N, C-alpha and C. Protein backbone atom coordinates (compact mmCIF):
# COMPACT_ATOMS: atom_id res chain seq x y z
N MET A 1 107.95 55.22 48.81
CA MET A 1 108.52 54.98 49.75
C MET A 1 109.50 55.85 50.53
N ASN A 2 109.39 57.02 50.31
CA ASN A 2 109.50 57.98 50.78
C ASN A 2 108.74 58.97 51.88
N ASP A 3 107.28 58.51 51.17
CA ASP A 3 105.89 59.29 51.94
C ASP A 3 106.03 58.05 53.55
N GLN A 4 106.01 57.00 52.99
CA GLN A 4 106.29 55.57 54.26
C GLN A 4 107.28 56.29 54.89
N ARG A 5 107.91 56.52 54.74
CA ARG A 5 109.48 56.79 55.80
C ARG A 5 109.06 58.29 56.60
N ARG A 6 108.55 59.08 55.88
CA ARG A 6 107.64 60.49 56.81
C ARG A 6 106.86 60.07 57.29
N ILE A 7 105.88 59.66 57.33
CA ILE A 7 104.29 58.96 57.93
C ILE A 7 105.39 58.14 59.14
N ARG A 8 106.17 57.30 59.19
CA ARG A 8 106.79 56.34 60.70
C ARG A 8 107.53 57.80 61.01
N LEU A 9 108.07 58.23 60.52
CA LEU A 9 108.95 59.91 61.50
C LEU A 9 108.09 60.46 62.37
N LEU A 10 106.97 60.47 61.25
CA LEU A 10 105.74 61.83 62.38
C LEU A 10 105.53 61.00 62.92
N THR A 11 104.54 59.79 63.21
CA THR A 11 104.18 58.87 63.57
C THR A 11 105.01 58.82 65.20
N GLY A 12 106.12 58.56 64.78
CA GLY A 12 107.32 58.36 65.79
C GLY A 12 107.62 59.52 66.71
N LEU A 13 107.40 61.06 66.13
CA LEU A 13 107.79 62.42 66.65
C LEU A 13 106.47 62.49 68.02
N VAL A 14 105.30 61.79 67.25
CA VAL A 14 103.84 62.31 67.61
C VAL A 14 104.12 60.95 69.00
N VAL A 15 104.41 60.58 68.75
CA VAL A 15 104.02 59.03 69.69
C VAL A 15 105.19 59.71 71.20
N ALA A 16 106.44 59.80 70.80
CA ALA A 16 107.51 60.00 71.48
C ALA A 16 106.85 61.77 72.48
N LEU A 17 105.80 62.66 71.81
CA LEU A 17 105.78 63.83 72.46
C LEU A 17 104.52 63.52 73.12
N VAL A 18 103.47 62.69 72.80
CA VAL A 18 102.90 62.27 73.80
C VAL A 18 102.94 61.56 75.40
N LEU A 19 104.39 60.77 75.02
CA LEU A 19 105.22 59.84 76.22
C LEU A 19 105.29 61.04 77.04
N LEU A 20 106.24 62.14 76.15
CA LEU A 20 106.99 63.03 77.35
C LEU A 20 105.93 64.45 77.80
N ASN A 21 104.43 64.12 77.09
CA ASN A 21 103.66 65.04 78.04
C ASN A 21 102.79 64.56 79.16
N ILE A 22 102.90 62.61 79.06
CA ILE A 22 102.11 62.04 80.35
C ILE A 22 103.26 61.94 81.21
N GLY A 23 104.46 61.87 80.64
CA GLY A 23 105.49 61.84 81.77
C GLY A 23 105.32 63.06 82.73
N LEU A 24 105.42 64.14 81.90
CA LEU A 24 105.58 65.48 82.68
C LEU A 24 104.42 66.06 83.34
N LEU A 25 103.50 65.39 82.96
CA LEU A 25 102.00 65.64 83.73
C LEU A 25 102.25 65.01 85.16
N SER A 26 102.64 63.62 85.17
CA SER A 26 102.40 62.63 86.13
C SER A 26 103.52 62.99 86.93
N TRP A 27 104.56 63.73 86.29
CA TRP A 27 105.71 63.81 87.55
C TRP A 27 105.36 64.95 88.38
N LEU A 28 104.82 66.59 87.47
CA LEU A 28 103.82 67.38 88.29
C LEU A 28 102.80 67.02 89.49
N TRP A 29 101.95 65.81 89.06
CA TRP A 29 100.80 65.63 90.32
C TRP A 29 101.46 64.52 91.09
N LEU A 30 102.39 63.87 90.73
CA LEU A 30 103.30 63.07 91.82
C LEU A 30 103.79 63.75 92.64
N ARG A 31 104.78 64.43 92.09
CA ARG A 31 106.15 64.87 92.97
C ARG A 31 105.76 65.31 94.68
N PRO A 32 107.04 65.38 95.13
CA PRO A 32 106.46 65.98 96.83
C PRO A 32 105.95 67.35 97.00
N ALA A 33 105.16 67.17 97.75
CA ALA A 33 104.88 68.90 98.23
C ALA A 33 105.78 69.84 98.52
N ARG A 34 105.73 70.83 98.15
CA ARG A 34 107.17 71.66 98.45
C ARG A 34 105.85 72.51 100.08
N PRO A 35 106.24 72.99 101.01
CA PRO A 35 105.59 73.99 101.84
C PRO A 35 105.79 74.97 101.25
N ASP A 36 103.95 75.57 101.91
CA ASP A 36 103.08 76.77 101.00
C ASP A 36 103.53 77.74 101.54
N VAL A 37 104.63 78.69 101.17
CA VAL A 37 105.35 80.04 101.77
C VAL A 37 104.52 81.19 101.18
N ARG A 38 104.15 81.88 101.72
CA ARG A 38 103.84 83.30 100.90
C ARG A 38 105.11 84.36 101.74
N GLY A 39 106.01 84.74 100.98
CA GLY A 39 106.64 86.09 101.65
C GLY A 39 107.56 85.00 102.52
N ASN A 40 107.77 85.72 103.76
CA ASN A 40 108.50 84.75 105.09
C ASN A 40 107.45 84.25 105.71
N ARG A 41 106.13 84.12 105.46
CA ARG A 41 105.41 83.17 106.36
C ARG A 41 104.71 81.76 105.95
N LEU A 42 104.49 81.21 106.45
CA LEU A 42 103.69 80.10 105.70
C LEU A 42 102.38 80.19 106.07
N ARG A 43 101.54 79.59 105.20
CA ARG A 43 100.16 79.26 104.95
C ARG A 43 99.89 78.33 106.06
N GLU A 44 100.86 77.36 106.81
CA GLU A 44 100.12 76.54 107.23
C GLU A 44 100.14 77.15 108.99
N ARG A 45 98.81 77.08 109.37
CA ARG A 45 98.75 77.44 110.84
C ARG A 45 98.80 77.20 112.02
N THR A 46 99.82 75.90 111.38
CA THR A 46 99.78 74.99 112.57
C THR A 46 101.51 74.86 113.18
N PHE A 47 101.90 76.03 112.41
CA PHE A 47 103.30 75.67 112.43
C PHE A 47 103.51 76.36 114.15
N LEU A 48 103.46 77.08 114.99
CA LEU A 48 103.64 77.32 116.16
C LEU A 48 103.13 76.04 116.92
N ALA A 49 102.36 75.49 116.80
CA ALA A 49 101.89 74.42 117.61
C ALA A 49 102.55 72.85 117.18
N ASP A 50 103.14 72.60 116.09
CA ASP A 50 104.12 72.15 115.65
C ASP A 50 105.54 72.09 115.94
N THR A 51 106.01 73.44 116.48
CA THR A 51 107.17 73.71 116.82
C THR A 51 107.24 73.73 118.20
N LEU A 52 106.19 74.31 118.81
CA LEU A 52 106.67 73.75 120.10
C LEU A 52 105.92 72.72 120.86
N ARG A 53 105.45 71.66 119.55
CA ARG A 53 105.02 70.61 119.77
C ARG A 53 103.71 70.25 121.15
N PHE A 54 102.72 71.03 120.92
CA PHE A 54 101.24 71.23 121.64
C PHE A 54 100.76 69.77 121.89
N SER A 55 99.84 69.47 122.77
CA SER A 55 99.09 68.51 123.16
C SER A 55 97.90 69.11 122.41
N PRO A 56 97.03 67.94 122.06
CA PRO A 56 95.91 68.68 121.43
C PRO A 56 94.73 69.88 122.42
N GLY A 57 94.80 69.33 123.50
CA GLY A 57 93.96 70.31 124.33
C GLY A 57 94.62 72.32 124.14
N GLN A 58 96.30 71.76 124.05
CA GLN A 58 96.91 73.21 124.13
C GLN A 58 96.87 73.72 122.66
N ARG A 59 96.22 72.92 121.56
CA ARG A 59 96.22 72.83 120.06
C ARG A 59 94.77 73.87 120.13
N GLN A 60 94.04 73.27 121.01
CA GLN A 60 92.52 73.60 120.55
C GLN A 60 92.32 74.81 121.71
N GLN A 61 93.41 75.39 122.61
CA GLN A 61 93.52 76.62 123.11
C GLN A 61 94.60 77.27 122.45
N LEU A 62 94.80 77.01 121.80
CA LEU A 62 95.68 77.79 120.68
C LEU A 62 95.05 78.53 119.47
N THR A 63 93.83 77.48 119.01
CA THR A 63 92.86 78.08 117.96
C THR A 63 92.33 78.81 118.24
N ALA A 64 91.60 78.79 119.72
CA ALA A 64 90.76 79.73 119.89
C ALA A 64 91.84 81.08 120.14
N LEU A 65 92.69 81.33 120.59
CA LEU A 65 93.75 82.54 120.98
C LEU A 65 93.67 83.29 119.54
N GLN A 66 94.38 82.58 118.42
CA GLN A 66 94.66 82.81 117.14
C GLN A 66 93.00 83.53 116.51
N ARG A 67 92.04 82.55 116.55
CA ARG A 67 90.86 83.85 116.26
C ARG A 67 90.21 84.49 117.02
N THR A 68 90.98 84.66 118.07
CA THR A 68 90.40 85.97 118.80
C THR A 68 91.52 87.23 118.48
N TYR A 69 92.36 86.72 118.10
CA TYR A 69 93.14 87.56 117.94
C TYR A 69 93.34 88.39 116.32
N PHE A 70 93.19 87.08 115.26
CA PHE A 70 92.84 87.89 114.08
C PHE A 70 91.58 88.78 113.93
N GLN A 71 90.59 88.40 115.11
CA GLN A 71 89.55 89.16 114.49
C GLN A 71 89.97 90.58 115.04
N GLN A 72 90.38 90.68 116.22
CA GLN A 72 90.72 92.01 116.64
C GLN A 72 91.96 92.66 115.79
N MET A 73 92.52 91.89 115.17
CA MET A 73 93.61 92.86 114.24
C MET A 73 93.19 92.71 112.58
N LYS A 74 92.33 92.13 112.34
CA LYS A 74 92.02 92.86 110.77
C LYS A 74 91.69 93.69 111.03
N PRO A 75 90.33 94.97 111.86
CA PRO A 75 89.81 95.71 111.53
C PRO A 75 91.54 96.95 111.71
N ARG A 76 91.81 96.48 112.67
CA ARG A 76 92.83 97.61 113.37
C ARG A 76 94.33 97.78 112.21
N VAL A 77 94.28 96.67 111.05
CA VAL A 77 95.21 96.24 110.18
C VAL A 77 94.95 97.46 109.20
N GLN A 78 93.42 97.21 108.34
CA GLN A 78 93.54 97.80 107.50
C GLN A 78 92.78 99.49 107.99
N THR A 79 92.75 99.85 109.46
CA THR A 79 92.41 101.36 109.82
C THR A 79 94.10 101.68 109.60
N LEU A 80 95.11 100.84 110.76
CA LEU A 80 96.38 101.79 109.96
C LEU A 80 97.13 101.50 108.79
N ARG A 81 96.92 100.67 107.94
CA ARG A 81 97.13 101.12 106.23
C ARG A 81 96.44 101.96 105.31
N GLN A 82 94.67 102.49 106.17
CA GLN A 82 94.23 103.63 105.56
C GLN A 82 94.89 104.79 105.85
N ALA A 83 95.25 104.38 107.05
CA ALA A 83 96.18 106.06 107.85
C ALA A 83 97.76 106.14 107.26
N ARG A 84 98.29 105.31 106.66
CA ARG A 84 99.71 105.39 106.79
C ARG A 84 99.71 105.67 104.80
N ARG A 85 98.41 105.36 104.31
CA ARG A 85 98.28 105.82 102.85
C ARG A 85 97.92 107.46 102.80
N ALA A 86 96.73 107.62 103.84
CA ALA A 86 96.66 109.21 104.13
C ALA A 86 97.72 109.94 104.38
N TYR A 87 98.35 109.76 105.30
CA TYR A 87 99.69 110.00 105.77
C TYR A 87 100.49 110.34 104.76
N PHE A 88 101.02 109.81 104.03
CA PHE A 88 102.00 109.90 102.52
C PHE A 88 101.43 110.62 101.54
N ARG A 89 99.88 110.83 101.84
CA ARG A 89 99.14 111.86 100.59
C ARG A 89 99.59 113.08 100.95
N LEU A 90 100.49 113.57 102.40
CA LEU A 90 100.36 114.48 102.64
C LEU A 90 101.35 115.74 102.32
N THR A 91 102.12 114.99 101.64
CA THR A 91 103.11 115.34 100.13
C THR A 91 102.70 116.38 99.75
N ASP A 92 101.53 116.51 99.03
CA ASP A 92 100.88 117.26 98.23
C ASP A 92 100.01 118.81 98.77
N SER A 93 99.65 118.82 99.93
CA SER A 93 98.78 119.08 100.65
C SER A 93 99.51 120.23 101.21
N SER A 94 98.54 121.57 102.02
CA SER A 94 99.25 122.14 102.95
C SER A 94 98.64 122.84 103.69
N LEU A 95 99.60 120.85 104.43
CA LEU A 95 99.06 121.23 106.19
C LEU A 95 100.55 121.83 106.39
N THR A 96 100.51 122.38 107.52
CA THR A 96 101.60 123.09 108.81
C THR A 96 102.33 122.10 108.98
N GLU A 97 103.28 121.99 109.45
CA GLU A 97 104.20 121.29 110.25
C GLU A 97 103.73 120.77 111.26
N VAL A 98 102.76 121.31 111.94
CA VAL A 98 102.57 120.93 113.37
C VAL A 98 101.19 119.59 113.32
N GLN A 99 100.12 120.13 112.14
CA GLN A 99 99.29 119.15 111.67
C GLN A 99 99.73 117.89 111.04
N ARG A 100 101.09 117.93 110.26
CA ARG A 100 101.72 116.93 109.91
C ARG A 100 102.03 116.13 111.10
N ARG A 101 103.03 116.91 112.02
CA ARG A 101 103.30 115.66 112.88
C ARG A 101 102.00 114.99 113.87
N ASP A 102 101.03 115.81 114.12
CA ASP A 102 99.99 115.28 114.69
C ASP A 102 99.16 114.14 114.04
N ARG A 103 99.32 114.10 112.45
CA ARG A 103 98.94 113.28 112.15
C ARG A 103 100.14 111.77 112.06
N LEU A 104 101.22 112.53 112.16
CA LEU A 104 102.27 111.09 112.04
C LEU A 104 102.10 110.53 113.76
N HIS A 105 102.42 111.22 114.66
CA HIS A 105 101.66 110.50 115.64
C HIS A 105 100.52 109.62 116.04
N ALA A 106 99.25 110.20 115.39
CA ALA A 106 98.07 109.09 115.06
C ALA A 106 98.76 108.03 114.89
N PHE A 107 99.28 108.22 113.59
CA PHE A 107 99.37 106.64 112.78
C PHE A 107 100.66 105.96 113.49
N HIS A 108 101.64 106.59 114.23
CA HIS A 108 102.44 105.75 115.10
C HIS A 108 101.92 105.40 116.33
N LYS A 109 100.77 106.01 117.03
CA LYS A 109 99.81 105.70 117.93
C LYS A 109 99.13 104.02 117.83
N GLN A 110 98.50 103.98 116.36
CA GLN A 110 97.56 103.10 116.29
C GLN A 110 98.66 101.85 115.39
N ALA A 111 100.13 102.01 115.31
CA ALA A 111 101.26 100.86 115.36
C ALA A 111 101.55 100.34 116.11
N ILE A 112 101.94 101.44 117.12
CA ILE A 112 101.85 101.20 118.90
C ILE A 112 100.91 100.50 119.19
N ASP A 113 99.18 100.44 119.21
CA ASP A 113 98.52 99.27 119.27
C ASP A 113 98.40 98.43 119.36
N ILE A 114 98.70 98.00 117.38
CA ILE A 114 98.91 96.82 116.92
C ILE A 114 99.86 96.02 117.64
N ASP A 115 101.21 96.67 118.22
CA ASP A 115 102.30 95.92 118.51
C ASP A 115 101.76 95.72 119.74
N LEU A 116 101.37 96.11 120.91
CA LEU A 116 100.87 95.64 122.72
C LEU A 116 100.10 94.91 122.05
N LEU A 117 99.12 94.81 121.25
CA LEU A 117 98.42 93.71 121.00
C LEU A 117 98.84 92.10 121.00
N THR A 118 99.70 92.96 119.87
CA THR A 118 100.41 91.65 119.16
C THR A 118 101.54 90.84 120.38
N LEU A 119 102.06 91.39 121.02
CA LEU A 119 102.54 90.70 122.76
C LEU A 119 101.72 90.85 123.42
N ALA A 120 100.59 91.16 123.65
CA ALA A 120 99.43 90.77 124.59
C ALA A 120 99.11 88.93 124.10
N HIS A 121 98.94 89.03 123.00
CA HIS A 121 98.76 88.03 121.95
C HIS A 121 99.66 86.35 122.57
N PHE A 122 100.79 86.60 122.44
CA PHE A 122 101.89 86.02 122.45
C PHE A 122 101.97 85.78 124.42
N ASP A 123 101.78 86.85 124.94
CA ASP A 123 101.95 86.23 126.33
C ASP A 123 101.06 85.35 126.71
N ARG A 124 99.40 85.50 126.12
CA ARG A 124 98.81 84.56 126.22
C ARG A 124 98.97 83.05 126.14
N ILE A 125 99.73 83.05 124.47
CA ILE A 125 100.08 81.70 124.08
C ILE A 125 101.03 81.18 124.92
N ALA A 126 101.99 82.09 125.88
CA ALA A 126 103.18 81.62 126.83
C ALA A 126 102.34 81.12 127.66
N ALA A 127 101.41 81.35 128.11
CA ALA A 127 100.43 81.25 129.18
C ALA A 127 100.46 79.78 129.43
N ILE A 128 99.71 79.13 128.05
CA ILE A 128 99.49 77.41 127.87
C ILE A 128 100.55 76.76 127.87
N CYS A 129 101.80 77.53 127.86
CA CYS A 129 103.11 76.18 127.44
C CYS A 129 103.35 75.84 128.82
N THR A 130 104.14 74.98 128.46
CA THR A 130 105.26 73.87 129.69
C THR A 130 106.18 74.81 129.77
N PRO A 131 106.94 74.95 130.69
CA PRO A 131 108.55 75.71 131.00
C PRO A 131 109.45 75.31 129.76
N ASP A 132 109.25 74.22 129.23
CA ASP A 132 110.33 73.88 127.94
C ASP A 132 109.98 74.23 126.85
N GLN A 133 108.39 74.56 126.27
CA GLN A 133 107.98 75.23 125.39
C GLN A 133 108.09 76.57 125.63
N ARG A 134 107.74 77.20 126.67
CA ARG A 134 108.13 78.89 126.99
C ARG A 134 109.24 79.22 126.44
N THR A 135 110.39 78.07 127.22
CA THR A 135 111.92 78.26 126.34
C THR A 135 111.68 78.40 124.93
N LEU A 136 111.53 77.38 124.26
CA LEU A 136 111.46 77.22 122.60
C LEU A 136 110.58 78.79 122.14
N LEU A 137 109.51 79.16 123.10
CA LEU A 137 108.66 79.99 122.17
C LEU A 137 109.47 81.29 122.38
N ASN A 138 110.23 81.37 123.96
CA ASN A 138 111.02 82.73 123.94
C ASN A 138 112.10 82.60 122.70
N GLN A 139 112.69 81.42 122.09
CA GLN A 139 114.10 81.56 121.41
C GLN A 139 113.19 82.09 119.85
N LEU A 140 112.29 81.24 119.74
CA LEU A 140 111.21 82.11 118.47
C LEU A 140 111.09 83.55 118.70
N MET A 141 110.49 84.10 119.42
CA MET A 141 110.15 85.76 119.27
C MET A 141 111.77 86.36 119.43
N SER A 142 113.00 85.49 120.19
CA SER A 142 113.75 86.21 119.75
C SER A 142 114.18 86.60 118.55
N LYS A 143 114.05 85.87 117.44
CA LYS A 143 114.22 85.66 116.03
C LYS A 143 113.14 86.61 115.06
N LEU A 144 111.88 87.16 116.07
CA LEU A 144 111.28 87.12 115.00
C LEU A 144 111.18 88.92 114.10
N PRO A 145 111.79 89.66 115.49
CA PRO A 145 112.35 90.69 114.29
C PRO A 145 113.09 90.61 113.45
N GLU A 146 114.18 89.77 113.69
CA GLU A 146 115.31 89.92 111.99
C GLU A 146 114.27 89.08 110.85
N ARG A 147 112.97 88.20 111.44
CA ARG A 147 112.77 87.40 110.45
C ARG A 147 111.67 88.48 109.73
N ALA A 148 110.88 89.22 110.70
CA ALA A 148 109.96 90.44 110.30
C ALA A 148 110.51 91.47 109.27
N PHE A 149 111.90 91.96 109.64
CA PHE A 149 112.12 93.02 108.87
C PHE A 149 113.55 92.57 107.94
N ARG A 150 113.95 91.43 107.30
CA ARG A 150 114.53 91.36 106.77
C ARG A 150 114.74 92.00 105.39
N MET A 151 115.50 92.03 104.53
CA MET A 151 115.60 92.29 102.98
C MET A 151 114.86 90.74 102.22
N PRO A 152 113.98 91.33 100.75
CA PRO A 152 113.39 90.01 100.31
C PRO A 152 114.88 88.96 99.83
N ARG A 153 114.79 87.94 99.49
CA ARG A 153 116.17 86.93 99.11
C ARG A 153 116.84 87.72 97.94
N SER A 154 116.35 87.94 97.06
CA SER A 154 116.70 88.69 95.95
C SER A 154 117.57 89.88 95.84
N ARG A 155 117.12 90.68 97.42
CA ARG A 155 117.87 92.04 97.69
C ARG A 155 118.75 91.67 98.44
N ARG A 156 119.14 90.75 99.44
CA ARG A 156 120.29 90.15 100.20
C ARG A 156 121.70 89.74 99.60
N SER A 157 123.06 90.17 99.87
CA SER A 157 123.80 89.58 99.37
C SER A 157 124.04 88.46 99.68
N ASN A 158 125.08 87.85 98.69
CA ASN A 158 124.83 86.13 98.48
C ASN A 158 126.31 86.23 99.23
N ARG A 159 125.99 84.91 100.19
CA ARG A 159 126.97 84.74 101.26
C ARG A 159 128.16 83.66 101.20
N ASP A 160 127.76 82.83 99.89
CA ASP A 160 128.81 81.64 99.48
C ASP A 160 129.68 82.50 98.56
N GLY A 161 129.95 84.07 98.55
CA GLY A 161 131.35 84.02 97.72
C GLY A 161 130.69 84.57 96.52
N ARG A 162 130.00 84.64 95.96
CA ARG A 162 128.91 85.10 94.75
C ARG A 162 129.19 87.00 95.14
N THR A 163 128.96 87.50 93.75
CA THR A 163 129.02 88.86 93.81
C THR A 163 127.66 89.47 94.28
N GLU A 164 127.48 90.45 95.11
CA GLU A 164 126.17 90.78 95.93
C GLU A 164 125.52 91.24 94.96
N THR A 165 123.85 91.15 95.21
CA THR A 165 122.62 91.48 94.27
C THR A 165 123.01 93.58 94.66
N ARG A 166 122.74 94.18 93.33
CA ARG A 166 122.40 95.47 93.78
C ARG A 166 121.32 96.14 93.69
N PRO A 167 120.99 97.18 94.82
CA PRO A 167 119.54 97.58 94.79
C PRO A 167 118.80 97.90 93.45
N PRO A 168 117.37 98.16 93.22
CA PRO A 168 117.33 98.62 91.87
C PRO A 168 117.42 100.21 91.53
N SER A 169 117.90 99.92 90.13
CA SER A 169 118.27 101.55 89.92
C SER A 169 117.59 102.59 90.17
N ASP A 170 116.19 102.34 90.71
CA ASP A 170 115.47 103.22 91.02
C ASP A 170 115.36 103.51 93.12
N SER A 171 116.60 102.31 93.47
CA SER A 171 116.87 102.84 94.61
C SER A 171 116.99 104.19 95.18
N ILE A 172 117.07 104.71 96.39
CA ILE A 172 117.44 105.66 96.76
C ILE A 172 119.07 105.71 97.63
N ARG A 173 119.23 104.04 97.69
CA ARG A 173 120.77 104.33 98.30
C ARG A 173 121.47 104.20 97.72
């Protein structure tokens, strides 16, 4: 009798675990999709077109502008990253202050070129906008610097009265 009781108990537990697994897997499969976010950026390339409510013709123009922009930006960003790495490797070299300053100016010139290219890209986008869309684009552009340079959520202070998060112990602040 004792063995039958154990078998029933184990069978009940196995059935319960199987049902829980099926329920969990179906919940994971059928739950609503979250926006696909990477850092501060949405992975959806239609964010700008959706926000500005572009027509199909405007969307095609935007796609062509973005394709050209990203083709121009990719090699420049890679070059800038390499120049930045090279600049920060200068700490252990025997370069003079003037040589370091020249390398710093070259690095910043590349960054300025990228910023100018980005602003020209947004000027081209503004050219395909209607006046109402241009107003909305200007509002988005005014928020761009604060979105691009804000701290990650884990480092920002909480605004709902809880204690502030502290910088990591290896931080220089």
